[in-house]
Each structure stands twice: as structure tokens, then as C-alpha cells.
Amino acid sequence: MTSVKYKIVVEQHEDGFVAYPLGFAGCVVGQGDNADEAIADVQSAIRFHIETFGQEAFADDSPLLHAYVTETELVNAD
């Protein structure tokens, strides 16, 4: 048995949690009432996505080394 690690983004919203992996082609999302439920749901979605699409499940061949959240501001030139 082998294991592979994936980077997962977990977002908290007013109505629950959403989780999604980085580096996948297409839409792979999990949700739940708490972070653990959302992560468990996205783990199931990742397995299904890979079983269905194989290597085409990934956006490209280069591994994602690091990810972070930041923000930017756009000013309208009115």
C-alpha cells in the first residue's frame, strides 16, 4: 500500500466548510459541517477523480511544491 500527499485548501463559510485539492484538472470539491467532514469528503472525491481520469486528473506533470493565500486590490479607473 502506498500513500500520496495532496495539498488541500479548506474554506469556512457561514453554512459549512468546503475543501478542494490544488493541482487537479477539473473540479474536485468536498464539503461538510466541519473541516474534518470536508476533508474526508474531498478525499473520497480525489479517489473517484483519479480512478475515473487516471493521469489526466492532474493539471500537469510538475508537482505543486508550495501554496499560500494572499490578497490583492484592484482600483477602478472611473
Protein backbone atom coordinates (compact mmCIF):
# COMPACT_ATOMS: atom_id res chain seq x y z
CA MET A 1 0.00 0.00 0.00
CA THR A 2 1.36 3.41 -0.96
CA SER A 3 0.30 6.87 0.09
CA VAL A 4 0.40 10.15 -1.80
CA LYS A 5 0.03 13.57 -0.21
CA TYR A 6 -2.03 16.33 -1.80
CA LYS A 7 -2.30 19.97 -0.78
CA ILE A 8 -5.87 20.78 0.25
CA VAL A 9 -7.48 24.20 0.70
CA VAL A 10 -10.16 24.31 3.38
CA GLU A 11 -12.53 27.28 3.47
CA GLN A 12 -15.02 28.09 6.21
CA HIS A 13 -18.28 29.69 5.10
CA GLU A 14 -21.39 30.67 7.04
CA ASP A 15 -23.13 27.43 6.06
CA GLY A 16 -20.21 24.99 6.47
CA PHE A 17 -16.79 24.06 5.13
CA VAL A 18 -15.51 23.46 1.60
CA ALA A 19 -12.27 21.65 0.73
CA TYR A 20 -10.51 21.24 -2.60
CA PRO A 21 -7.12 19.95 -3.75
CA LEU A 22 -4.62 22.03 -5.66
CA GLY A 23 -3.08 20.84 -8.92
CA PHE A 24 -6.02 18.87 -10.29
CA ALA A 25 -7.62 19.35 -13.69
CA GLY A 26 -11.36 19.82 -13.43
CA CYS A 27 -13.45 20.32 -10.35
CA VAL A 28 -12.82 18.25 -7.21
CA VAL A 29 -14.65 19.54 -4.12
CA GLY A 30 -15.69 18.23 -0.72
CA GLN A 31 -17.98 19.81 1.83
CA GLY A 32 -19.10 19.27 5.40
CA ASP A 33 -20.39 20.79 8.59
CA ASN A 34 -16.82 20.97 9.92
CA ALA A 35 -13.29 20.87 8.50
CA ASP A 36 -12.81 17.14 9.19
CA GLU A 37 -16.01 16.25 7.31
CA ALA A 38 -14.99 18.43 4.35
CA ILE A 39 -11.54 16.83 4.22
CA ALA A 40 -12.99 13.30 4.39
CA ASP A 41 -15.42 14.21 1.60
CA VAL A 42 -12.69 15.65 -0.62
CA GLN A 43 -10.52 12.54 -0.02
CA SER A 44 -13.36 10.47 -1.45
CA ALA A 45 -13.73 12.89 -4.37
CA ILE A 46 -9.97 12.73 -5.10
CA ARG A 47 -10.04 8.91 -5.19
CA PHE A 48 -13.01 8.95 -7.56
CA HIS A 49 -11.42 11.61 -9.80
CA ILE A 50 -8.14 9.67 -10.12
CA GLU A 51 -9.92 6.34 -10.71
CA THR A 52 -12.07 7.96 -13.39
CA PHE A 53 -9.47 10.08 -15.22
CA GLY A 54 -6.09 8.50 -14.36
CA GLN A 55 -3.12 10.75 -15.13
CA GLU A 56 -5.45 13.18 -16.90
CA ALA A 57 -6.80 14.05 -13.42
CA PHE A 58 -3.76 16.24 -12.83
CA ALA A 59 -3.30 19.72 -14.30
CA ASP A 60 0.29 18.95 -15.38
CA ASP A 61 3.28 16.74 -14.56
CA SER A 62 5.06 19.19 -12.25
CA PRO A 63 4.34 18.68 -8.54
CA LEU A 64 2.96 21.54 -6.50
CA LEU A 65 5.71 22.48 -4.07
CA HIS A 66 4.12 25.30 -2.11
CA ALA A 67 0.84 27.22 -1.99
CA TYR A 68 -0.32 30.21 0.00
CA VAL A 69 -3.25 32.57 0.28
CA THR A 70 -2.82 36.27 -0.34
CA GLU A 71 -4.98 39.12 -1.50
CA THR A 72 -4.73 41.95 -3.93
CA GLU A 73 -6.71 45.11 -4.51
CA LEU A 74 -7.95 46.34 -7.86
CA VAL A 75 -8.75 50.04 -8.17
CA ASN A 76 -11.23 51.04 -10.86
CA ALA A 77 -10.14 53.96 -13.01
CA ASP A 78 -13.51 55.73 -13.13
